[in-house]
N, C-alpha and C. Protein backbone atom coordinates (compact mmCIF):
# COMPACT_ATOMS: atom_id res chain seq x y z
N MET A 1 -8.32 45.00 21.53
CA MET A 1 -9.63 44.23 21.13
C MET A 1 -10.25 43.33 22.32
N TYR A 2 -9.46 43.10 23.33
CA TYR A 2 -10.07 42.12 24.30
C TYR A 2 -10.66 43.15 25.35
N GLY A 3 -11.75 42.66 25.67
CA GLY A 3 -12.57 43.28 26.76
C GLY A 3 -13.26 44.61 26.14
N ARG A 4 -13.28 44.70 25.05
CA ARG A 4 -14.14 45.78 24.39
C ARG A 4 -15.48 45.50 24.07
N HIS A 5 -16.70 46.40 24.52
CA HIS A 5 -17.82 45.98 24.36
C HIS A 5 -18.71 46.88 23.64
N HIS A 6 -18.41 48.16 23.39
CA HIS A 6 -19.38 49.01 22.71
C HIS A 6 -19.36 48.67 21.22
N SER A 7 -20.57 49.12 20.60
CA SER A 7 -20.74 48.61 19.28
C SER A 7 -19.66 49.20 18.15
N ALA A 8 -19.13 50.40 18.21
CA ALA A 8 -18.37 51.14 17.40
C ALA A 8 -18.77 50.70 15.96
N THR A 9 -20.00 51.48 15.46
CA THR A 9 -20.47 51.02 14.36
C THR A 9 -19.67 51.93 13.28
N GLY A 10 -19.11 53.05 13.59
CA GLY A 10 -18.29 53.69 12.51
C GLY A 10 -17.04 53.15 12.21
N ALA A 11 -16.42 52.53 13.07
CA ALA A 11 -15.16 51.67 12.76
C ALA A 11 -15.59 50.57 12.02
N LYS A 12 -16.61 49.77 12.19
CA LYS A 12 -16.84 48.65 11.41
C LYS A 12 -17.46 49.17 10.00
N LEU A 13 -18.16 50.18 9.78
CA LEU A 13 -18.50 50.53 8.53
C LEU A 13 -17.30 51.00 7.69
N THR A 14 -16.15 51.39 8.45
CA THR A 14 -14.91 51.82 7.83
C THR A 14 -14.37 50.54 7.06
N ILE A 15 -14.37 49.47 7.84
CA ILE A 15 -13.83 48.13 7.55
C ILE A 15 -14.62 47.67 6.22
N LEU A 16 -15.99 47.89 6.24
CA LEU A 16 -16.93 47.26 5.28
C LEU A 16 -16.61 48.23 3.99
N ILE A 17 -16.60 49.46 4.36
CA ILE A 17 -16.22 50.21 2.86
C ILE A 17 -14.86 49.93 2.38
N ALA A 18 -13.72 49.69 3.01
CA ALA A 18 -12.59 49.58 2.63
C ALA A 18 -12.70 48.10 1.78
N GLN A 19 -13.30 47.31 2.16
CA GLN A 19 -13.47 45.89 1.45
C GLN A 19 -14.20 46.01 0.35
N CYS A 20 -15.32 46.86 0.29
CA CYS A 20 -15.95 47.13 -0.98
C CYS A 20 -15.21 47.71 -2.10
N LEU A 21 -14.34 48.48 -1.67
CA LEU A 21 -13.38 49.30 -2.55
C LEU A 21 -12.33 48.17 -3.22
N TYR A 22 -12.05 47.56 -2.15
CA TYR A 22 -10.96 46.51 -2.54
C TYR A 22 -11.45 45.52 -3.69
N LEU A 23 -12.78 45.01 -3.18
CA LEU A 23 -13.38 44.32 -4.19
C LEU A 23 -13.73 44.79 -5.73
N LEU A 24 -14.02 46.11 -5.86
CA LEU A 24 -14.23 46.69 -6.93
C LEU A 24 -13.10 46.61 -7.70
N VAL A 25 -11.99 46.80 -7.29
CA VAL A 25 -10.63 46.86 -7.96
C VAL A 25 -10.21 45.42 -8.32
N SER A 26 -10.22 44.51 -7.42
CA SER A 26 -9.84 43.21 -7.72
C SER A 26 -10.93 42.77 -8.75
N GLY A 27 -12.24 42.93 -8.57
CA GLY A 27 -12.91 42.27 -9.37
C GLY A 27 -12.53 42.65 -10.94
N TYR A 28 -12.23 44.16 -11.05
CA TYR A 28 -11.63 44.55 -12.39
C TYR A 28 -10.71 43.82 -12.92
N TRP A 29 -9.68 43.66 -11.86
CA TRP A 29 -8.33 42.91 -12.42
C TRP A 29 -8.82 41.51 -12.79
N LEU A 30 -9.63 40.87 -12.10
CA LEU A 30 -9.74 39.34 -12.50
C LEU A 30 -10.63 39.40 -13.72
N ALA A 31 -11.50 40.43 -14.12
CA ALA A 31 -12.14 40.27 -15.30
C ALA A 31 -11.57 40.32 -16.37
N THR A 32 -10.31 41.16 -16.27
CA THR A 32 -9.44 41.58 -17.40
C THR A 32 -8.37 40.88 -17.53
N ALA A 33 -7.99 39.86 -16.53
CA ALA A 33 -6.91 39.19 -16.67
C ALA A 33 -6.57 38.08 -17.73
N ASP A 34 -5.39 38.06 -18.16
CA ASP A 34 -5.09 36.88 -19.20
C ASP A 34 -4.76 35.75 -18.47
N GLN A 35 -5.63 35.15 -17.78
CA GLN A 35 -5.50 33.86 -16.82
C GLN A 35 -6.39 32.91 -17.24
N PRO A 36 -6.24 31.68 -16.97
CA PRO A 36 -7.28 30.70 -17.20
C PRO A 36 -8.78 31.05 -16.41
N PRO A 37 -9.83 31.02 -16.98
CA PRO A 37 -11.10 31.43 -16.29
C PRO A 37 -11.29 30.64 -14.94
N LEU A 38 -10.84 29.36 -14.96
CA LEU A 38 -10.94 28.65 -13.75
C LEU A 38 -10.36 29.30 -12.60
N LEU A 39 -9.12 29.65 -12.75
CA LEU A 39 -8.33 30.39 -11.77
C LEU A 39 -9.15 31.61 -11.46
N THR A 40 -9.37 32.43 -12.27
CA THR A 40 -10.01 33.88 -12.00
C THR A 40 -11.38 33.76 -11.35
N TRP A 41 -12.21 32.78 -11.78
CA TRP A 41 -13.48 32.51 -11.11
C TRP A 41 -13.39 31.96 -9.75
N THR A 42 -12.57 31.17 -9.61
CA THR A 42 -12.38 30.55 -8.38
C THR A 42 -11.78 31.60 -7.39
N MET A 43 -10.82 32.31 -7.55
CA MET A 43 -10.40 33.24 -7.04
C MET A 43 -11.50 34.47 -6.49
N ALA A 44 -12.25 34.68 -7.48
CA ALA A 44 -13.44 35.48 -7.29
C ALA A 44 -14.29 34.91 -6.30
N GLY A 45 -14.50 33.62 -6.18
CA GLY A 45 -15.46 33.03 -5.47
C GLY A 45 -14.83 32.92 -4.08
N PHE A 46 -13.50 32.75 -4.01
CA PHE A 46 -12.79 32.81 -2.61
C PHE A 46 -13.18 34.29 -1.83
N LEU A 47 -12.89 35.32 -2.65
CA LEU A 47 -12.94 36.58 -2.07
C LEU A 47 -14.42 36.92 -1.90
N ALA A 48 -15.35 36.25 -2.45
CA ALA A 48 -16.82 36.68 -2.06
C ALA A 48 -17.01 35.92 -0.99
N ILE A 49 -16.50 34.59 -0.40
CA ILE A 49 -16.64 33.87 0.48
C ILE A 49 -16.14 34.56 1.95
N ILE A 50 -14.87 34.96 1.85
CA ILE A 50 -14.24 35.82 2.77
C ILE A 50 -14.90 36.96 3.08
N PHE A 51 -15.35 37.70 2.03
CA PHE A 51 -16.18 39.03 2.32
C PHE A 51 -17.42 38.75 3.10
N PHE A 52 -18.19 37.54 2.84
CA PHE A 52 -19.40 37.29 3.52
C PHE A 52 -19.05 36.85 4.90
N ARG A 53 -18.02 35.80 5.15
CA ARG A 53 -17.95 35.35 6.42
C ARG A 53 -17.31 36.66 7.39
N LEU A 54 -16.38 37.29 6.95
CA LEU A 54 -15.97 38.40 7.92
C LEU A 54 -17.00 39.42 8.24
N ASN A 55 -17.91 39.77 7.23
CA ASN A 55 -18.85 40.78 7.65
C ASN A 55 -20.06 40.05 8.16
N ALA A 56 -20.29 38.80 8.07
CA ALA A 56 -21.34 38.19 8.78
C ALA A 56 -20.98 38.09 10.40
N MET A 57 -19.65 37.72 10.29
CA MET A 57 -19.23 37.73 11.89
C MET A 57 -19.05 39.08 12.53
N MET A 58 -18.70 39.90 11.74
CA MET A 58 -18.58 41.18 12.50
C MET A 58 -19.85 41.92 12.98
N PHE A 59 -20.97 41.93 11.97
CA PHE A 59 -22.24 42.39 12.13
C PHE A 59 -23.30 41.57 12.85
N PHE A 60 -23.39 40.14 12.32
CA PHE A 60 -24.54 39.50 12.88
C PHE A 60 -24.15 38.23 13.74
N TRP A 61 -23.23 37.38 13.44
CA TRP A 61 -22.84 36.16 13.95
C TRP A 61 -22.19 36.52 15.51
N LEU A 62 -21.24 37.32 15.52
CA LEU A 62 -20.54 37.52 16.64
C LEU A 62 -20.11 39.04 16.92
N PRO A 63 -21.12 40.02 16.94
CA PRO A 63 -20.89 41.40 16.96
C PRO A 63 -20.20 41.71 18.28
N ARG A 64 -19.07 42.52 18.26
CA ARG A 64 -18.25 42.83 19.56
C ARG A 64 -17.69 44.41 19.08
N GLY A 65 -17.30 45.04 19.97
CA GLY A 65 -16.73 46.40 19.88
C GLY A 65 -15.37 46.48 19.00
N ILE A 66 -15.24 47.26 18.23
CA ILE A 66 -13.99 47.52 17.37
C ILE A 66 -13.39 49.01 17.57
N GLY A 67 -12.27 49.05 18.11
CA GLY A 67 -11.79 50.37 18.09
C GLY A 67 -11.24 50.81 16.76
N TRP A 68 -10.78 52.08 16.53
CA TRP A 68 -10.24 52.73 15.20
C TRP A 68 -8.97 52.06 14.87
N SER A 69 -8.17 51.89 15.89
CA SER A 69 -6.79 51.32 15.66
C SER A 69 -7.07 50.09 15.03
N GLU A 70 -7.96 49.19 15.47
CA GLU A 70 -8.11 47.66 14.92
C GLU A 70 -8.68 47.81 13.55
N ALA A 71 -9.73 48.97 13.54
CA ALA A 71 -10.36 48.89 12.23
C ALA A 71 -9.50 49.37 11.16
N LEU A 72 -8.50 49.97 11.40
CA LEU A 72 -7.48 50.60 10.38
C LEU A 72 -6.54 49.38 9.98
N GLY A 73 -5.87 48.72 11.06
CA GLY A 73 -5.23 47.49 10.89
C GLY A 73 -5.85 46.52 10.24
N ASN A 74 -7.16 46.36 10.44
CA ASN A 74 -7.67 45.09 9.80
C ASN A 74 -8.16 45.59 8.18
N SER A 75 -8.38 46.98 7.97
CA SER A 75 -8.55 47.44 6.67
C SER A 75 -7.47 47.30 5.93
N LEU A 76 -6.27 47.44 6.18
CA LEU A 76 -4.89 47.19 5.58
C LEU A 76 -4.86 45.91 5.48
N ALA A 77 -5.01 44.95 6.49
CA ALA A 77 -4.73 43.51 6.44
C ALA A 77 -5.62 43.01 5.36
N PHE A 78 -6.99 43.23 5.28
CA PHE A 78 -7.84 42.87 4.13
C PHE A 78 -7.30 43.38 2.84
N GLY A 79 -6.82 44.46 2.61
CA GLY A 79 -6.46 44.85 1.37
C GLY A 79 -5.29 43.68 0.76
N LEU A 80 -4.55 43.35 1.75
CA LEU A 80 -3.29 42.28 1.42
C LEU A 80 -4.04 41.02 0.67
N TYR A 81 -5.09 40.65 1.41
CA TYR A 81 -5.82 39.52 0.82
C TYR A 81 -6.70 39.88 -0.40
N TYR A 82 -7.53 40.99 -0.44
CA TYR A 82 -8.47 41.24 -1.46
C TYR A 82 -7.47 41.49 -2.84
N LEU A 83 -6.63 42.47 -2.67
CA LEU A 83 -5.85 42.80 -3.76
C LEU A 83 -4.43 42.10 -3.83
N GLY A 84 -3.71 41.47 -2.75
CA GLY A 84 -2.60 40.95 -2.84
C GLY A 84 -2.87 39.56 -3.70
N PHE A 85 -3.54 38.67 -3.31
CA PHE A 85 -3.77 37.35 -4.03
C PHE A 85 -4.12 37.49 -5.53
N PRO A 86 -5.19 38.36 -5.59
CA PRO A 86 -5.40 38.64 -7.43
C PRO A 86 -4.24 39.08 -8.02
N LEU A 87 -3.60 40.05 -7.46
CA LEU A 87 -2.30 40.41 -8.18
C LEU A 87 -1.22 39.33 -8.44
N LEU A 88 -0.99 38.59 -7.51
CA LEU A 88 0.04 37.60 -7.41
C LEU A 88 -0.66 36.39 -8.46
N LEU A 89 -1.87 36.29 -8.65
CA LEU A 89 -2.37 35.36 -9.52
C LEU A 89 -2.33 35.68 -11.11
N ILE A 90 -2.56 37.11 -11.18
CA ILE A 90 -2.56 37.57 -12.58
C ILE A 90 -0.79 37.76 -13.04
N HIS A 91 0.09 37.95 -12.19
CA HIS A 91 1.29 38.56 -12.47
C HIS A 91 2.38 37.09 -11.85
N GLY A 92 2.46 36.10 -12.60
CA GLY A 92 3.30 35.12 -12.36
C GLY A 92 2.66 33.84 -12.05
N GLY A 93 1.28 33.82 -11.90
CA GLY A 93 0.56 32.53 -11.39
C GLY A 93 0.49 31.60 -12.60
N GLN A 94 0.49 30.49 -12.30
CA GLN A 94 0.38 29.24 -13.08
C GLN A 94 -0.84 28.31 -12.64
N LEU A 95 -1.29 27.63 -13.77
CA LEU A 95 -2.31 26.84 -13.34
C LEU A 95 -1.83 25.40 -13.17
N SER A 96 -1.85 25.01 -11.95
CA SER A 96 -1.31 23.63 -11.54
C SER A 96 -2.47 23.07 -10.66
N PHE A 97 -2.78 21.97 -11.27
CA PHE A 97 -4.08 21.15 -10.80
C PHE A 97 -3.89 20.72 -9.28
N TRP A 98 -2.55 20.50 -9.07
CA TRP A 98 -2.06 20.17 -7.58
C TRP A 98 -2.43 21.46 -6.49
N PHE A 99 -1.76 22.51 -6.96
CA PHE A 99 -1.95 23.56 -6.17
C PHE A 99 -3.45 24.02 -6.15
N TYR A 100 -3.99 23.95 -7.43
CA TYR A 100 -5.50 24.25 -7.18
C TYR A 100 -6.34 23.44 -6.24
N GLY A 101 -6.01 22.30 -6.45
CA GLY A 101 -6.75 21.05 -5.60
C GLY A 101 -6.32 21.44 -4.06
N LEU A 102 -5.03 21.73 -3.76
CA LEU A 102 -4.97 21.79 -2.26
C LEU A 102 -5.41 23.17 -1.93
N GLY A 103 -5.52 24.16 -2.80
CA GLY A 103 -5.89 25.51 -2.46
C GLY A 103 -7.50 25.36 -2.16
N LEU A 104 -8.22 24.66 -2.79
CA LEU A 104 -9.51 24.45 -2.43
C LEU A 104 -9.70 23.69 -1.24
N ILE A 105 -9.02 22.68 -0.77
CA ILE A 105 -9.04 21.68 0.30
C ILE A 105 -8.70 22.68 1.69
N PHE A 106 -7.40 23.37 1.50
CA PHE A 106 -6.86 24.35 2.69
C PHE A 106 -8.06 25.32 2.77
N PHE A 107 -8.56 25.90 1.69
CA PHE A 107 -9.48 27.33 1.84
C PHE A 107 -10.79 26.68 2.64
N GLY A 108 -11.33 25.64 2.08
CA GLY A 108 -12.68 25.10 2.51
C GLY A 108 -12.38 24.54 4.17
N ILE A 109 -11.35 24.09 4.23
CA ILE A 109 -11.07 23.47 5.81
C ILE A 109 -11.04 24.59 6.77
N GLY A 110 -10.08 25.64 6.27
CA GLY A 110 -9.85 26.80 7.19
C GLY A 110 -11.00 27.41 7.21
N SER A 111 -11.66 27.72 5.99
CA SER A 111 -13.28 28.52 6.71
C SER A 111 -13.95 28.01 7.36
N VAL A 112 -14.16 26.76 7.39
CA VAL A 112 -14.99 26.04 8.13
C VAL A 112 -14.75 25.98 9.71
N LEU A 113 -13.30 25.71 9.80
CA LEU A 113 -12.71 25.59 10.96
C LEU A 113 -12.84 26.91 11.82
N ASN A 114 -12.59 28.06 11.06
CA ASN A 114 -12.45 29.34 11.79
C ASN A 114 -14.05 29.53 12.16
N THR A 115 -15.06 29.63 11.41
CA THR A 115 -16.46 29.95 11.52
C THR A 115 -16.93 29.16 12.39
N ALA A 116 -16.69 27.66 12.30
CA ALA A 116 -17.59 26.72 13.16
C ALA A 116 -17.03 26.89 14.66
N ALA A 117 -15.75 27.06 14.81
CA ALA A 117 -15.16 27.20 16.14
C ALA A 117 -15.84 28.53 17.17
N GLU A 118 -15.82 29.71 16.27
CA GLU A 118 -16.44 30.90 16.97
C GLU A 118 -17.97 30.54 17.24
N LEU A 119 -18.82 30.22 16.12
CA LEU A 119 -20.09 29.82 16.32
C LEU A 119 -20.48 28.79 17.32
N LEU A 120 -19.68 27.87 17.57
CA LEU A 120 -20.09 26.73 18.58
C LEU A 120 -19.58 27.30 19.92
N ARG A 121 -18.88 28.34 20.16
CA ARG A 121 -18.70 28.88 21.28
C ARG A 121 -19.80 29.94 21.77
N LYS A 122 -20.41 30.68 20.78
CA LYS A 122 -21.39 31.58 20.82
C LYS A 122 -22.43 31.28 22.10
N PRO A 123 -22.97 30.21 21.81
CA PRO A 123 -24.11 29.92 22.96
C PRO A 123 -23.56 29.93 24.32
N PHE A 124 -22.40 29.41 24.58
CA PHE A 124 -21.67 29.28 25.91
C PHE A 124 -21.47 30.67 26.49
N LYS A 125 -20.87 31.69 25.42
CA LYS A 125 -20.76 32.88 25.93
C LYS A 125 -21.93 34.03 26.11
N ALA A 126 -22.86 33.54 25.41
CA ALA A 126 -24.11 34.47 25.39
C ALA A 126 -25.05 33.93 26.75
N ASP A 127 -24.85 32.75 27.45
CA ASP A 127 -25.48 32.18 28.58
C ASP A 127 -24.96 32.94 29.74
N PRO A 128 -25.62 33.85 30.56
CA PRO A 128 -25.40 34.66 31.61
C PRO A 128 -24.70 33.67 32.76
N ARG A 129 -25.30 32.37 32.76
CA ARG A 129 -24.69 31.41 33.77
C ARG A 129 -23.22 31.21 33.42
N ASN A 130 -22.75 31.54 32.38
CA ASN A 130 -21.31 31.08 32.26
C ASN A 130 -20.39 32.31 32.42
N ALA A 131 -20.97 33.32 32.96
CA ALA A 131 -20.18 34.66 33.07
C ALA A 131 -18.93 34.37 33.85
N GLY A 132 -17.75 34.85 33.39
CA GLY A 132 -16.57 34.70 34.13
C GLY A 132 -16.03 33.27 34.09
N LYS A 133 -16.43 32.44 33.12
CA LYS A 133 -16.15 31.14 33.04
C LYS A 133 -15.22 31.00 31.68
N LEU A 134 -14.35 30.02 31.70
CA LEU A 134 -13.45 29.72 30.61
C LEU A 134 -14.16 28.76 29.65
N TYR A 135 -14.22 28.89 28.46
CA TYR A 135 -14.79 27.88 27.37
C TYR A 135 -13.45 27.34 26.97
N ARG A 136 -14.00 25.62 27.10
CA ARG A 136 -12.86 24.75 26.42
C ARG A 136 -13.47 23.55 25.62
N GLY A 137 -14.65 24.07 25.14
CA GLY A 137 -15.39 23.01 24.51
C GLY A 137 -15.40 23.18 23.14
N GLY A 138 -16.29 22.50 22.18
CA GLY A 138 -16.16 22.56 20.82
C GLY A 138 -14.84 22.35 20.28
N LEU A 139 -14.50 22.97 19.37
CA LEU A 139 -13.30 22.79 18.66
C LEU A 139 -12.19 23.27 19.33
N PHE A 140 -12.39 24.29 20.42
CA PHE A 140 -11.33 24.84 21.25
C PHE A 140 -10.84 23.84 22.31
N LYS A 141 -11.18 22.45 22.36
CA LYS A 141 -10.65 21.45 23.04
C LYS A 141 -9.54 20.86 22.39
N TYR A 142 -9.29 21.18 20.98
CA TYR A 142 -8.08 20.75 20.10
C TYR A 142 -7.04 21.77 20.07
N ALA A 143 -7.42 22.98 20.43
CA ALA A 143 -6.15 23.85 20.46
C ALA A 143 -6.80 25.06 21.10
N ILE A 144 -6.16 26.12 21.73
CA ILE A 144 -6.68 27.08 22.50
C ILE A 144 -6.86 28.30 21.36
N HIS A 145 -6.22 28.19 20.34
CA HIS A 145 -6.39 29.28 19.16
C HIS A 145 -6.55 28.68 17.88
N ILE A 146 -7.51 27.56 17.98
CA ILE A 146 -8.09 27.08 16.78
C ILE A 146 -8.63 27.82 15.93
N ASN A 147 -9.23 28.92 16.18
CA ASN A 147 -9.93 29.72 15.31
C ASN A 147 -8.68 30.41 14.48
N TYR A 148 -7.36 30.90 15.02
CA TYR A 148 -6.38 31.34 14.16
C TYR A 148 -5.85 30.28 13.36
N PHE A 149 -5.62 29.08 13.81
CA PHE A 149 -5.34 27.98 12.91
C PHE A 149 -6.30 28.10 11.40
N GLY A 150 -7.63 28.01 11.66
CA GLY A 150 -8.28 28.08 10.51
C GLY A 150 -8.04 29.29 9.54
N ASP A 151 -7.61 30.49 10.33
CA ASP A 151 -7.35 31.71 9.59
C ASP A 151 -5.97 31.44 8.62
N VAL A 152 -5.11 30.65 9.32
CA VAL A 152 -3.85 30.15 8.48
C VAL A 152 -4.13 29.47 7.33
N LEU A 153 -4.91 28.44 7.53
CA LEU A 153 -5.37 27.55 6.64
C LEU A 153 -5.98 28.19 5.21
N TRP A 154 -7.10 29.12 5.46
CA TRP A 154 -7.65 29.52 4.28
C TRP A 154 -6.87 30.57 3.55
N VAL A 155 -6.05 31.25 4.25
CA VAL A 155 -4.99 32.03 3.52
C VAL A 155 -4.34 31.22 2.94
N LEU A 156 -3.58 29.98 3.38
CA LEU A 156 -2.73 29.24 2.61
C LEU A 156 -3.43 28.67 1.24
N GLY A 157 -4.72 28.42 1.43
CA GLY A 157 -5.60 28.02 0.23
C GLY A 157 -5.77 29.03 -0.71
N CYS A 158 -5.84 30.28 -0.44
CA CYS A 158 -5.67 31.48 -1.60
C CYS A 158 -4.28 31.54 -2.01
N ALA A 159 -3.23 31.50 -1.16
CA ALA A 159 -1.95 31.36 -1.77
C ALA A 159 -1.55 30.32 -2.67
N LEU A 160 -2.01 29.10 -2.48
CA LEU A 160 -1.86 28.05 -3.26
C LEU A 160 -2.80 28.04 -4.64
N LEU A 161 -3.84 28.58 -4.60
CA LEU A 161 -4.68 28.90 -5.65
C LEU A 161 -3.79 29.84 -6.77
N THR A 162 -3.01 30.66 -6.21
CA THR A 162 -2.51 31.52 -7.14
C THR A 162 -1.53 30.92 -8.04
N GLY A 163 -0.96 29.94 -7.56
CA GLY A 163 0.13 29.27 -8.79
C GLY A 163 1.29 29.82 -8.52
N ASN A 164 1.66 31.07 -7.39
CA ASN A 164 2.78 31.75 -7.39
C ASN A 164 3.29 31.58 -6.21
N LEU A 165 4.59 30.99 -6.20
CA LEU A 165 5.10 30.61 -4.97
C LEU A 165 5.47 31.81 -3.98
N TYR A 166 5.59 33.23 -4.51
CA TYR A 166 5.94 34.19 -3.74
C TYR A 166 4.42 34.45 -2.71
N ALA A 167 3.49 34.06 -3.12
CA ALA A 167 2.06 34.14 -2.68
C ALA A 167 2.22 33.61 -1.18
N LEU A 168 3.07 32.35 -1.12
CA LEU A 168 3.24 31.76 0.23
C LEU A 168 3.82 32.44 1.42
N LEU A 169 4.41 33.53 0.99
CA LEU A 169 4.85 34.48 2.01
C LEU A 169 3.91 35.13 2.97
N ILE A 170 2.62 35.19 2.43
CA ILE A 170 1.44 35.80 3.08
C ILE A 170 1.12 34.79 4.36
N PRO A 171 0.59 33.69 3.86
CA PRO A 171 0.37 32.87 5.18
C PRO A 171 1.58 32.63 6.06
N LEU A 172 2.91 32.58 5.61
CA LEU A 172 3.96 32.31 6.56
C LEU A 172 4.05 33.73 7.44
N ALA A 173 3.71 34.83 6.80
CA ALA A 173 3.83 36.05 7.76
C ALA A 173 2.70 35.77 8.61
N LEU A 174 1.50 35.47 8.23
CA LEU A 174 0.37 35.47 9.05
C LEU A 174 0.43 34.42 10.20
N LEU A 175 1.20 33.29 10.00
CA LEU A 175 1.50 32.27 10.79
C LEU A 175 2.38 33.02 12.05
N ALA A 176 3.68 33.80 11.57
CA ALA A 176 4.59 34.37 12.47
C ALA A 176 4.00 35.37 13.17
N LEU A 177 2.85 35.98 12.77
CA LEU A 177 2.13 37.15 13.52
C LEU A 177 1.34 36.40 14.63
N PHE A 178 0.84 35.29 14.18
CA PHE A 178 -0.13 34.70 15.33
C PHE A 178 1.00 34.16 16.39
N VAL A 179 2.11 33.51 16.17
CA VAL A 179 2.94 33.04 16.92
C VAL A 179 3.67 33.79 17.94
N PHE A 180 3.99 34.91 17.26
CA PHE A 180 5.01 35.98 18.16
C PHE A 180 4.36 37.12 18.66
N SER A 181 3.10 37.31 18.19
CA SER A 181 2.40 38.46 18.77
C SER A 181 0.89 38.29 19.26
N TYR A 182 0.03 37.78 18.34
CA TYR A 182 -1.36 37.76 18.69
C TYR A 182 -1.48 36.69 20.16
N ILE A 183 -1.05 35.55 19.70
CA ILE A 183 -0.96 34.43 20.82
C ILE A 183 -0.47 34.74 21.97
N PRO A 184 0.83 35.27 22.18
CA PRO A 184 1.28 35.54 23.53
C PRO A 184 0.25 36.85 24.07
N THR A 185 0.01 37.70 23.32
CA THR A 185 -0.89 38.86 24.00
C THR A 185 -2.30 38.09 24.31
N ALA A 186 -2.83 37.25 23.68
CA ALA A 186 -3.93 36.70 24.16
C ALA A 186 -3.66 35.92 25.30
N ASP A 187 -2.96 35.01 25.36
CA ASP A 187 -2.64 34.31 26.53
C ASP A 187 -2.50 35.18 27.84
N ARG A 188 -1.63 36.21 27.72
CA ARG A 188 -1.40 37.08 28.84
C ARG A 188 -2.64 37.45 29.27
N TYR A 189 -3.81 38.21 28.25
CA TYR A 189 -5.11 38.54 28.73
C TYR A 189 -5.80 37.23 29.51
N LEU A 190 -5.79 36.30 28.81
CA LEU A 190 -6.68 35.00 29.50
C LEU A 190 -6.18 34.64 30.54
N THR A 191 -4.93 34.81 30.92
CA THR A 191 -4.29 34.34 32.26
C THR A 191 -4.78 35.39 33.41
N THR A 192 -4.73 36.58 32.89
CA THR A 192 -5.05 37.67 33.81
C THR A 192 -6.60 37.62 34.31
N LYS A 193 -7.36 37.06 33.05
CA LYS A 193 -8.88 37.08 33.47
C LYS A 193 -9.01 35.70 34.00
N TYR A 194 -8.77 34.77 33.57
CA TYR A 194 -9.09 33.44 34.06
C TYR A 194 -8.34 32.78 35.24
N GLY A 195 -7.00 33.12 35.26
CA GLY A 195 -6.15 32.56 36.35
C GLY A 195 -5.57 31.32 36.09
N GLU A 196 -5.84 30.62 37.39
CA GLU A 196 -5.65 29.03 37.12
C GLU A 196 -6.23 28.35 36.13
N ALA A 197 -7.63 28.69 35.93
CA ALA A 197 -8.25 27.97 34.83
C ALA A 197 -7.77 27.78 33.58
N PHE A 198 -7.05 29.22 33.19
CA PHE A 198 -6.27 28.99 31.92
C PHE A 198 -5.03 28.60 31.95
N THR A 199 -4.51 28.39 33.19
CA THR A 199 -3.13 27.76 33.24
C THR A 199 -3.19 26.31 33.07
N ASP A 200 -4.32 25.67 33.62
CA ASP A 200 -4.64 24.38 33.34
C ASP A 200 -4.84 23.85 32.07
N TYR A 201 -5.91 24.75 31.38
CA TYR A 201 -6.26 24.72 29.96
C TYR A 201 -4.86 24.84 29.13
N GLN A 202 -3.98 25.49 29.42
CA GLN A 202 -2.75 25.72 28.56
C GLN A 202 -2.06 24.30 28.85
N ARG A 203 -1.89 23.90 29.85
CA ARG A 203 -1.04 22.76 30.26
C ARG A 203 -1.82 21.44 29.56
N ALA A 204 -3.02 21.34 29.53
CA ALA A 204 -3.70 20.23 28.68
C ALA A 204 -4.01 20.40 27.10
N THR A 205 -3.78 21.50 26.55
CA THR A 205 -4.11 21.83 25.40
C THR A 205 -3.07 22.36 24.51
N LYS A 206 -3.02 22.17 23.08
CA LYS A 206 -2.17 22.65 22.07
C LYS A 206 -2.36 24.32 22.05
N GLU A 207 -1.43 24.97 21.73
CA GLU A 207 -1.56 26.29 21.45
C GLU A 207 -2.48 26.70 20.13
N LEU A 208 -2.01 26.16 19.03
CA LEU A 208 -2.55 26.54 17.67
C LEU A 208 -2.84 25.25 16.81
N ILE A 209 -1.85 24.32 16.51
CA ILE A 209 -2.13 23.48 15.81
C ILE A 209 -2.54 22.15 16.35
N PRO A 210 -3.81 21.61 16.34
CA PRO A 210 -3.99 20.26 17.08
C PRO A 210 -3.19 19.29 16.87
N PHE A 211 -2.69 18.51 18.18
CA PHE A 211 -1.81 17.36 18.19
C PHE A 211 -0.23 17.64 17.83
N VAL A 212 0.02 19.01 17.60
CA VAL A 212 1.38 19.44 16.93
C VAL A 212 1.86 20.41 18.04
N TRP A 213 1.37 21.63 18.19
CA TRP A 213 1.71 22.81 19.00
C TRP A 213 0.48 23.66 19.54
């Protein structure tokens, strides 16, 4: 995924088609679910926002090359969100206003954090004068992988909305994936690309969670 610049339209369309199929299934489940409408409608809204953000980022806001292995991996991961959370809500979910409120808060903060971090960086990356320079501004001054932290938060929001404690395994698994796989891989790539500039950035900045780690 790093350093890939070709458009890979076919791979992107595969991700889009997979998402549409998932939404058709989950939409039917939620429409026929024996759960409070507040929960099912809010979950449907969450899924719609996820769909809009992911595809706006992929096709318009920050288009980049995507390989077939990444496309297939992302399609499977999105299935976990689009199908897994509705299923967990329908089977065993309970309406808890504490969980519901926290779910709204975490989903909102995480969505804004992830999207804003990327869009604030976009003008810097698009400026030819910054070619070969490491970006440390915007929200990335608070954590090297602040965008990943946003992902963890919005996924946690979805899990809390279900009212199903088993759903918390999904954001925990995502957090573990970032900590033990994505972040080390990204850091090795950035060290190779930026050298001492990235090493200095690492020394001065938290990895994932601002003010914590």
